[in-house]
């Protein structure tokens, strides 16, 4: 619903992001691409297959790495 609204309204606020992994449903990928094609610049895409293991290499527990919120991902800051 959020991606469809972003697609129709063409607003850049609020930010919209999407965390994906290799088993994410194809329909989610397709909808994200449709929204990005509008030129609105969203959703920001994050690859959990890369992101979670990378965070774990810095001693962030897997549970926390899987639960990290968008603002930490965009800022590049993580305070544990």
PDB file of N, CA and C in Angstrom:
ATOM      1  N   UNK A   1       0.825  -1.186   0.000  1.00  0.00           N
ATOM      2  CA  UNK A   1       0.000   0.000   0.000  1.00  0.00           C
ATOM      3  C   UNK A   1       0.876   1.259   0.000  1.00  0.00           C
ATOM      4  N   UNK A   2       1.948   1.267   0.782  1.00  0.00           N
ATOM      5  CA  UNK A   2       2.820   2.448   0.833  1.00  0.00           C
ATOM      6  C   UNK A   2       3.483   2.705  -0.517  1.00  0.00           C
ATOM      7  N   UNK A   3       3.931   1.644  -1.167  1.00  0.00           N
ATOM      8  CA  UNK A   3       4.581   1.836  -2.470  1.00  0.00           C
ATOM      9  C   UNK A   3       3.578   2.338  -3.501  1.00  0.00           C
ATOM     10  N   UNK A   4       2.368   1.830  -3.492  1.00  0.00           N
ATOM     11  CA  UNK A   4       1.352   2.287  -4.443  1.00  0.00           C
ATOM     12  C   UNK A   4       1.018   3.753  -4.204  1.00  0.00           C
ATOM     13  N   UNK A   5       0.912   4.151  -2.950  1.00  0.00           N
ATOM     14  CA  UNK A   5       0.632   5.554  -2.619  1.00  0.00           C
ATOM     15  C   UNK A   5       1.772   6.454  -3.087  1.00  0.00           C
ATOM     16  N   UNK A   6       3.010   6.036  -2.852  1.00  0.00           N
ATOM     17  CA  UNK A   6       4.168   6.808  -3.313  1.00  0.00           C
ATOM     18  C   UNK A   6       4.146   6.932  -4.831  1.00  0.00           C
ATOM     19  N   UNK A   7       3.813   5.854  -5.506  1.00  0.00           N
ATOM     20  CA  UNK A   7       3.746   5.857  -6.972  1.00  0.00           C
ATOM     21  C   UNK A   7       2.695   6.858  -7.467  1.00  0.00           C
ATOM     22  N   UNK A   8       1.517   6.857  -6.842  1.00  0.00           N
ATOM     23  CA  UNK A   8       0.434   7.738  -7.296  1.00  0.00           C
ATOM     24  C   UNK A   8       0.659   9.193  -6.921  1.00  0.00           C
ATOM     25  N   UNK A   9       1.152   9.451  -5.707  1.00  0.00           N
ATOM     26  CA  UNK A   9       1.263  10.823  -5.211  1.00  0.00           C
ATOM     27  C   UNK A   9       2.529  11.539  -5.646  1.00  0.00           C
ATOM     28  N   UNK A  10       3.599  10.765  -5.951  1.00  0.00           N
ATOM     29  CA  UNK A  10       4.873  11.347  -6.395  1.00  0.00           C
ATOM     30  C   UNK A  10       5.464  12.329  -5.379  1.00  0.00           C
ATOM     31  N   UNK A  11       5.340  12.014  -4.103  1.00  0.00           N
ATOM     32  CA  UNK A  11       5.903  12.857  -3.039  1.00  0.00           C
ATOM     33  C   UNK A  11       7.218  12.250  -2.563  1.00  0.00           C
ATOM     34  N   UNK A  12       8.169  13.100  -2.183  1.00  0.00           N
ATOM     35  CA  UNK A  12       9.460  12.617  -1.698  1.00  0.00           C
ATOM     36  C   UNK A  12       9.505  12.530  -0.174  1.00  0.00           C
ATOM     37  N   UNK A  13       8.472  12.924   0.480  1.00  0.00           N
ATOM     38  CA  UNK A  13       8.350  12.808   1.935  1.00  0.00           C
ATOM     39  C   UNK A  13       7.042  12.114   2.231  1.00  0.00           C
ATOM     40  N   UNK A  14       6.955  11.248   3.176  1.00  0.00           N
ATOM     41  CA  UNK A  14       8.048  10.724   3.976  1.00  0.00           C
ATOM     42  C   UNK A  14       8.900   9.742   3.178  1.00  0.00           C
ATOM     43  N   UNK A  15      10.104   9.517   3.666  1.00  0.00           N
ATOM     44  CA  UNK A  15      11.006   8.569   3.006  1.00  0.00           C
ATOM     45  C   UNK A  15      10.412   7.171   3.015  1.00  0.00           C
ATOM     46  N   UNK A  16      10.663   6.448   1.970  1.00  0.00           N
ATOM     47  CA  UNK A  16      10.200   5.070   1.866  1.00  0.00           C
ATOM     48  C   UNK A  16      11.397   4.193   1.560  1.00  0.00           C
ATOM     49  N   UNK A  17      11.568   3.140   2.341  1.00  0.00           N
ATOM     50  CA  UNK A  17      12.668   2.217   2.084  1.00  0.00           C
ATOM     51  C   UNK A  17      12.133   0.795   2.136  1.00  0.00           C
ATOM     52  N   UNK A  18      12.898  -0.105   1.549  1.00  0.00           N
ATOM     53  CA  UNK A  18      12.479  -1.490   1.450  1.00  0.00           C
ATOM     54  C   UNK A  18      13.690  -2.385   1.640  1.00  0.00           C
ATOM     55  N   UNK A  19      13.593  -3.275   2.605  1.00  0.00           N
ATOM     56  CA  UNK A  19      14.651  -4.256   2.835  1.00  0.00           C
ATOM     57  C   UNK A  19      14.248  -5.538   2.135  1.00  0.00           C
ATOM     58  N   UNK A  20      15.121  -6.027   1.281  1.00  0.00           N
ATOM     59  CA  UNK A  20      14.844  -7.217   0.482  1.00  0.00           C
ATOM     60  C   UNK A  20      15.886  -8.291   0.741  1.00  0.00           C
ATOM     61  N   UNK A  21      15.548  -9.506   0.366  1.00  0.00           N
ATOM     62  CA  UNK A  21      16.474 -10.627   0.430  1.00  0.00           C
ATOM     63  C   UNK A  21      16.144 -11.565  -0.715  1.00  0.00           C
ATOM     64  N   UNK A  22      16.952 -12.590  -0.902  1.00  0.00           N
ATOM     65  CA  UNK A  22      16.793 -13.460  -2.070  1.00  0.00           C
ATOM     66  C   UNK A  22      15.444 -14.160  -2.114  1.00  0.00           C
ATOM     67  N   UNK A  23      14.774 -14.304  -0.999  1.00  0.00           N
ATOM     68  CA  UNK A  23      13.476 -14.972  -0.973  1.00  0.00           C
ATOM     69  C   UNK A  23      12.294 -14.012  -0.905  1.00  0.00           C
ATOM     70  N   UNK A  24      12.549 -12.719  -1.077  1.00  0.00           N
ATOM     71  CA  UNK A  24      11.439 -11.762  -1.096  1.00  0.00           C
ATOM     72  C   UNK A  24      10.519 -12.088  -2.272  1.00  0.00           C
ATOM     73  N   UNK A  25       9.221 -11.955  -2.069  1.00  0.00           N
ATOM     74  CA  UNK A  25       8.291 -12.274  -3.158  1.00  0.00           C
ATOM     75  C   UNK A  25       8.543 -11.421  -4.407  1.00  0.00           C
ATOM     76  N   UNK A  26       8.443 -12.068  -5.553  1.00  0.00           N
ATOM     77  CA  UNK A  26       8.659 -11.381  -6.831  1.00  0.00           C
ATOM     78  C   UNK A  26       7.774 -10.145  -6.964  1.00  0.00           C
ATOM     79  N   UNK A  27       6.554 -10.220  -6.496  1.00  0.00           N
ATOM     80  CA  UNK A  27       5.638  -9.087  -6.585  1.00  0.00           C
ATOM     81  C   UNK A  27       6.136  -7.855  -5.850  1.00  0.00           C
ATOM     82  N   UNK A  28       6.848  -8.050  -4.753  1.00  0.00           N
ATOM     83  CA  UNK A  28       7.409  -6.920  -4.005  1.00  0.00           C
ATOM     84  C   UNK A  28       8.505  -6.257  -4.832  1.00  0.00           C
ATOM     85  N   UNK A  29       9.365  -7.077  -5.442  1.00  0.00           N
ATOM     86  CA  UNK A  29      10.421  -6.548  -6.315  1.00  0.00           C
ATOM     87  C   UNK A  29       9.798  -5.764  -7.481  1.00  0.00           C
ATOM     88  N   UNK A  30       8.792  -6.338  -8.114  1.00  0.00           N
ATOM     89  CA  UNK A  30       8.152  -5.701  -9.277  1.00  0.00           C
ATOM     90  C   UNK A  30       7.545  -4.360  -8.879  1.00  0.00           C
ATOM     91  N   UNK A  31       6.828  -4.316  -7.756  1.00  0.00           N
ATOM     92  CA  UNK A  31       6.206  -3.060  -7.317  1.00  0.00           C
ATOM     93  C   UNK A  31       7.278  -2.014  -7.013  1.00  0.00           C
ATOM     94  N   UNK A  32       8.370  -2.426  -6.358  1.00  0.00           N
ATOM     95  CA  UNK A  32       9.450  -1.481  -6.058  1.00  0.00           C
ATOM     96  C   UNK A  32      10.021  -0.891  -7.339  1.00  0.00           C
ATOM     97  N   UNK A  33      10.230  -1.724  -8.339  1.00  0.00           N
ATOM     98  CA  UNK A  33      10.759  -1.247  -9.620  1.00  0.00           C
ATOM     99  C   UNK A  33       9.781  -0.294 -10.291  1.00  0.00           C
ATOM    100  N   UNK A  34       8.490  -0.603 -10.227  1.00  0.00           N
ATOM    101  CA  UNK A  34       7.473   0.290 -10.808  1.00  0.00           C
ATOM    102  C   UNK A  34       7.532   1.672 -10.167  1.00  0.00           C
ATOM    103  N   UNK A  35       7.686   1.707  -8.854  1.00  0.00           N
ATOM    104  CA  UNK A  35       7.737   2.994  -8.146  1.00  0.00           C
ATOM    105  C   UNK A  35       9.024   3.733  -8.491  1.00  0.00           C
ATOM    106  N   UNK A  36      10.150   3.040  -8.507  1.00  0.00           N
ATOM    107  CA  UNK A  36      11.425   3.668  -8.850  1.00  0.00           C
ATOM    108  C   UNK A  36      11.383   4.237 -10.264  1.00  0.00           C
ATOM    109  N   UNK A  37      10.732   3.534 -11.176  1.00  0.00           N
ATOM    110  CA  UNK A  37      10.634   3.993 -12.575  1.00  0.00           C
ATOM    111  C   UNK A  37       9.902   5.320 -12.723  1.00  0.00           C
ATOM    112  N   UNK A  38       9.095   5.707 -11.738  1.00  0.00           N
ATOM    113  CA  UNK A  38       8.382   6.984 -11.823  1.00  0.00           C
ATOM    114  C   UNK A  38       9.327   8.167 -11.662  1.00  0.00           C
ATOM    115  N   UNK A  39      10.530   7.913 -11.129  1.00  0.00           N
ATOM    116  CA  UNK A  39      11.501   8.983 -10.935  1.00  0.00           C
ATOM    117  C   UNK A  39      11.432   9.638  -9.573  1.00  0.00           C
ATOM    118  N   UNK A  40      10.582   9.137  -8.699  1.00  0.00           N
ATOM    119  CA  UNK A  40      10.438   9.736  -7.381  1.00  0.00           C
ATOM    120  C   UNK A  40      11.646   9.437  -6.481  1.00  0.00           C
ATOM    121  N   UNK A  41      12.468   8.470  -6.861  1.00  0.00           N
ATOM    122  CA  UNK A  41      13.680   8.188  -6.107  1.00  0.00           C
ATOM    123  C   UNK A  41      13.485   7.261  -4.925  1.00  0.00           C
ATOM    124  N   UNK A  42      12.342   6.649  -4.839  1.00  0.00           N
ATOM    125  CA  UNK A  42      12.057   5.721  -3.757  1.00  0.00           C
ATOM    126  C   UNK A  42      11.355   4.509  -4.327  1.00  0.00           C
ATOM    127  N   UNK A  43      11.377   3.433  -3.604  1.00  0.00           N
ATOM    128  CA  UNK A  43      11.962   3.242  -2.282  1.00  0.00           C
ATOM    129  C   UNK A  43      13.471   3.045  -2.345  1.00  0.00           C
ATOM    130  N   UNK A  44      14.120   3.416  -1.240  1.00  0.00           N
ATOM    131  CA  UNK A  44      15.525   3.065  -1.090  1.00  0.00           C
ATOM    132  C   UNK A  44      15.560   1.558  -0.876  1.00  0.00           C
ATOM    133  N   UNK A  45      16.456   0.867  -1.547  1.00  0.00           N
ATOM    134  CA  UNK A  45      16.525  -0.583  -1.445  1.00  0.00           C
ATOM    135  C   UNK A  45      17.735  -1.004  -0.619  1.00  0.00           C
ATOM    136  N   UNK A  46      17.516  -1.925   0.305  1.00  0.00           N
ATOM    137  CA  UNK A  46      18.571  -2.465   1.144  1.00  0.00           C
ATOM    138  C   UNK A  46      18.562  -3.983   1.005  1.00  0.00           C
ATOM    139  N   UNK A  47      19.721  -4.563   0.771  1.00  0.00           N
ATOM    140  CA  UNK A  47      19.863  -5.994   0.554  1.00  0.00           C
ATOM    141  C   UNK A  47      20.254  -6.678   1.862  1.00  0.00           C
ATOM    142  N   UNK A  48      19.288  -7.324   2.504  1.00  0.00           N
ATOM    143  CA  UNK A  48      19.564  -7.989   3.774  1.00  0.00           C
ATOM    144  C   UNK A  48      20.537  -9.148   3.638  1.00  0.00           C
ATOM    145  N   UNK A  49      20.648  -9.738   2.450  1.00  0.00           N
ATOM    146  CA  UNK A  49      21.601 -10.828   2.250  1.00  0.00           C
ATOM    147  C   UNK A  49      23.039 -10.338   2.383  1.00  0.00           C
ATOM    148  N   UNK A  50      23.252  -9.055   2.200  1.00  0.00           N
ATOM    149  CA  UNK A  50      24.573  -8.446   2.345  1.00  0.00           C
ATOM    150  C   UNK A  50      24.646  -7.671   3.657  1.00  0.00           C
ATOM    151  N   UNK A  51      23.611  -6.923   3.958  1.00  0.00           N
ATOM    152  CA  UNK A  51      23.598  -6.022   5.107  1.00  0.00           C
ATOM    153  C   UNK A  51      23.735  -6.756   6.441  1.00  0.00           C
ATOM    154  N   UNK A  52      22.944  -7.776   6.668  1.00  0.00           N
ATOM    155  CA  UNK A  52      22.961  -8.468   7.963  1.00  0.00           C
ATOM    156  C   UNK A  52      24.321  -9.112   8.245  1.00  0.00           C
ATOM    157  N   UNK A  53      24.887  -9.899   7.309  1.00  0.00           N
ATOM    158  CA  UNK A  53      26.220 -10.468   7.582  1.00  0.00           C
ATOM    159  C   UNK A  53      27.291  -9.388   7.787  1.00  0.00           C
ATOM    160  N   UNK A  54      27.203  -8.294   7.060  1.00  0.00           N
ATOM    161  CA  UNK A  54      28.193  -7.219   7.221  1.00  0.00           C
ATOM    162  C   UNK A  54      28.114  -6.628   8.622  1.00  0.00           C
ATOM    163  N   UNK A  55      26.919  -6.410   9.121  1.00  0.00           N
ATOM    164  CA  UNK A  55      26.762  -5.868  10.470  1.00  0.00           C
ATOM    165  C   UNK A  55      27.257  -6.865  11.514  1.00  0.00           C
ATOM    166  N   UNK A  56      27.019  -8.143  11.273  1.00  0.00           N
ATOM    167  CA  UNK A  56      27.464  -9.173  12.218  1.00  0.00           C
ATOM    168  C   UNK A  56      28.993  -9.234  12.296  1.00  0.00           C
ATOM    169  N   UNK A  57      29.679  -8.907  11.202  1.00  0.00           N
ATOM    170  CA  UNK A  57      31.143  -8.870  11.221  1.00  0.00           C
ATOM    171  C   UNK A  57      31.661  -7.790  12.175  1.00  0.00           C
ATOM    172  N   UNK A  58      30.815  -6.818  12.490  1.00  0.00           N
ATOM    173  CA  UNK A  58      31.187  -5.766  13.440  1.00  0.00           C
ATOM    174  C   UNK A  58      30.578  -6.029  14.816  1.00  0.00           C
ATOM    175  N   UNK A  59      30.362  -7.310  15.104  1.00  0.00           N
ATOM    176  CA  UNK A  59      29.886  -7.768  16.419  1.00  0.00           C
ATOM    177  C   UNK A  59      28.486  -7.294  16.776  1.00  0.00           C
ATOM    178  N   UNK A  60      27.682  -6.976  15.787  1.00  0.00           N
ATOM    179  CA  UNK A  60      26.278  -6.665  16.027  1.00  0.00           C
ATOM    180  C   UNK A  60      25.517  -7.988  15.956  1.00  0.00           C
ATOM    181  N   UNK A  61      24.808  -8.345  17.018  1.00  0.00           N
ATOM    182  CA  UNK A  61      24.090  -9.625  17.031  1.00  0.00           C
ATOM    183  C   UNK A  61      23.109  -9.741  15.856  1.00  0.00           C
ATOM    184  N   UNK A  62      22.940 -10.966  15.354  1.00  0.00           N
ATOM    185  CA  UNK A  62      22.072 -11.209  14.191  1.00  0.00           C
ATOM    186  C   UNK A  62      20.673 -10.649  14.406  1.00  0.00           C
ATOM    187  N   UNK A  63      20.117 -10.853  15.585  1.00  0.00           N
ATOM    188  CA  UNK A  63      18.761 -10.365  15.861  1.00  0.00           C
ATOM    189  C   UNK A  63      18.677  -8.848  15.713  1.00  0.00           C
ATOM    190  N   UNK A  64      19.675  -8.132  16.220  1.00  0.00           N
ATOM    191  CA  UNK A  64      19.699  -6.671  16.084  1.00  0.00           C
ATOM    192  C   UNK A  64      19.917  -6.265  14.629  1.00  0.00           C
ATOM    193  N   UNK A  65      20.807  -6.958  13.943  1.00  0.00           N
ATOM    194  CA  UNK A  65      21.097  -6.627  12.548  1.00  0.00           C
ATOM    195  C   UNK A  65      19.850  -6.794  11.684  1.00  0.00           C
ATOM    196  N   UNK A  66      19.049  -7.803  11.967  1.00  0.00           N
ATOM    197  CA  UNK A  66      17.820  -8.024  11.201  1.00  0.00           C
ATOM    198  C   UNK A  66      16.725  -7.026  11.562  1.00  0.00           C
ATOM    199  N   UNK A  67      16.872  -6.355  12.700  1.00  0.00           N
ATOM    200  CA  UNK A  67      15.835  -5.448  13.186  1.00  0.00           C
ATOM    201  C   UNK A  67      16.224  -3.970  13.070  1.00  0.00           C
ATOM    202  N   UNK A  68      17.372  -3.687  12.482  1.00  0.00           N
ATOM    203  CA  UNK A  68      17.837  -2.298  12.397  1.00  0.00           C
ATOM    204  C   UNK A  68      16.849  -1.463  11.579  1.00  0.00           C
ATOM    205  N   UNK A  69      16.650  -0.235  12.009  1.00  0.00           N
ATOM    206  CA  UNK A  69      15.658   0.646  11.372  1.00  0.00           C
ATOM    207  C   UNK A  69      16.281   1.487  10.269  1.00  0.00           C
ATOM    208  N   UNK A  70      15.423   2.013   9.458  1.00  0.00           N
ATOM    209  CA  UNK A  70      15.805   2.784   8.280  1.00  0.00           C
ATOM    210  C   UNK A  70      16.737   3.943   8.584  1.00  0.00           C
ATOM    211  N   UNK A  71      16.481   4.727   9.625  1.00  0.00           N
ATOM    212  CA  UNK A  71      17.319   5.905   9.876  1.00  0.00           C
ATOM    213  C   UNK A  71      18.768   5.523  10.156  1.00  0.00           C
ATOM    214  N   UNK A  72      19.005   4.376  10.750  1.00  0.00           N
ATOM    215  CA  UNK A  72      20.383   3.925  10.972  1.00  0.00           C
ATOM    216  C   UNK A  72      21.028   3.502   9.664  1.00  0.00           C
ATOM    217  N   UNK A  73      20.259   2.909   8.781  1.00  0.00           N
ATOM    218  CA  UNK A  73      20.806   2.482   7.500  1.00  0.00           C
ATOM    219  C   UNK A  73      21.174   3.687   6.643  1.00  0.00           C
ATOM    220  N   UNK A  74      20.317   4.693   6.619  1.00  0.00           N
ATOM    221  CA  UNK A  74      20.564   5.858   5.765  1.00  0.00           C
ATOM    222  C   UNK A  74      21.712   6.713   6.294  1.00  0.00           C
ATOM    223  N   UNK A  75      21.846   6.792   7.600  1.00  0.00           N
ATOM    224  CA  UNK A  75      22.886   7.657   8.156  1.00  0.00           C
ATOM    225  C   UNK A  75      24.256   6.973   8.197  1.00  0.00           C
ATOM    226  N   UNK A  76      24.260   5.637   8.118  1.00  0.00           N
ATOM    227  CA  UNK A  76      25.513   4.910   8.223  1.00  0.00           C
ATOM    228  C   UNK A  76      25.989   4.804   9.653  1.00  0.00           C
ATOM    229  N   UNK A  77      25.144   5.201  10.595  1.00  0.00           N
ATOM    230  CA  UNK A  77      25.510   5.149  12.014  1.00  0.00           C
ATOM    231  C   UNK A  77      24.762   4.008  12.684  1.00  0.00           C
ATOM    232  N   UNK A  78      25.438   3.357  13.555  1.00  0.00           N
ATOM    233  CA  UNK A  78      24.805   2.328  14.355  1.00  0.00           C
ATOM    234  C   UNK A  78      25.408   2.415  15.747  1.00  0.00           C
ATOM    235  N   UNK A  79      24.569   2.633  16.728  1.00  0.00           N
ATOM    236  CA  UNK A  79      25.086   2.796  18.088  1.00  0.00           C
ATOM    237  C   UNK A  79      24.892   1.567  18.946  1.00  0.00           C
ATOM    238  N   UNK A  80      24.371   0.472  18.337  1.00  0.00           N
ATOM    239  CA  UNK A  80      24.195  -0.769  19.090  1.00  0.00           C
ATOM    240  C   UNK A  80      23.117  -0.623  20.067  1.00  0.00           C
TER     241      UNK A  80
END
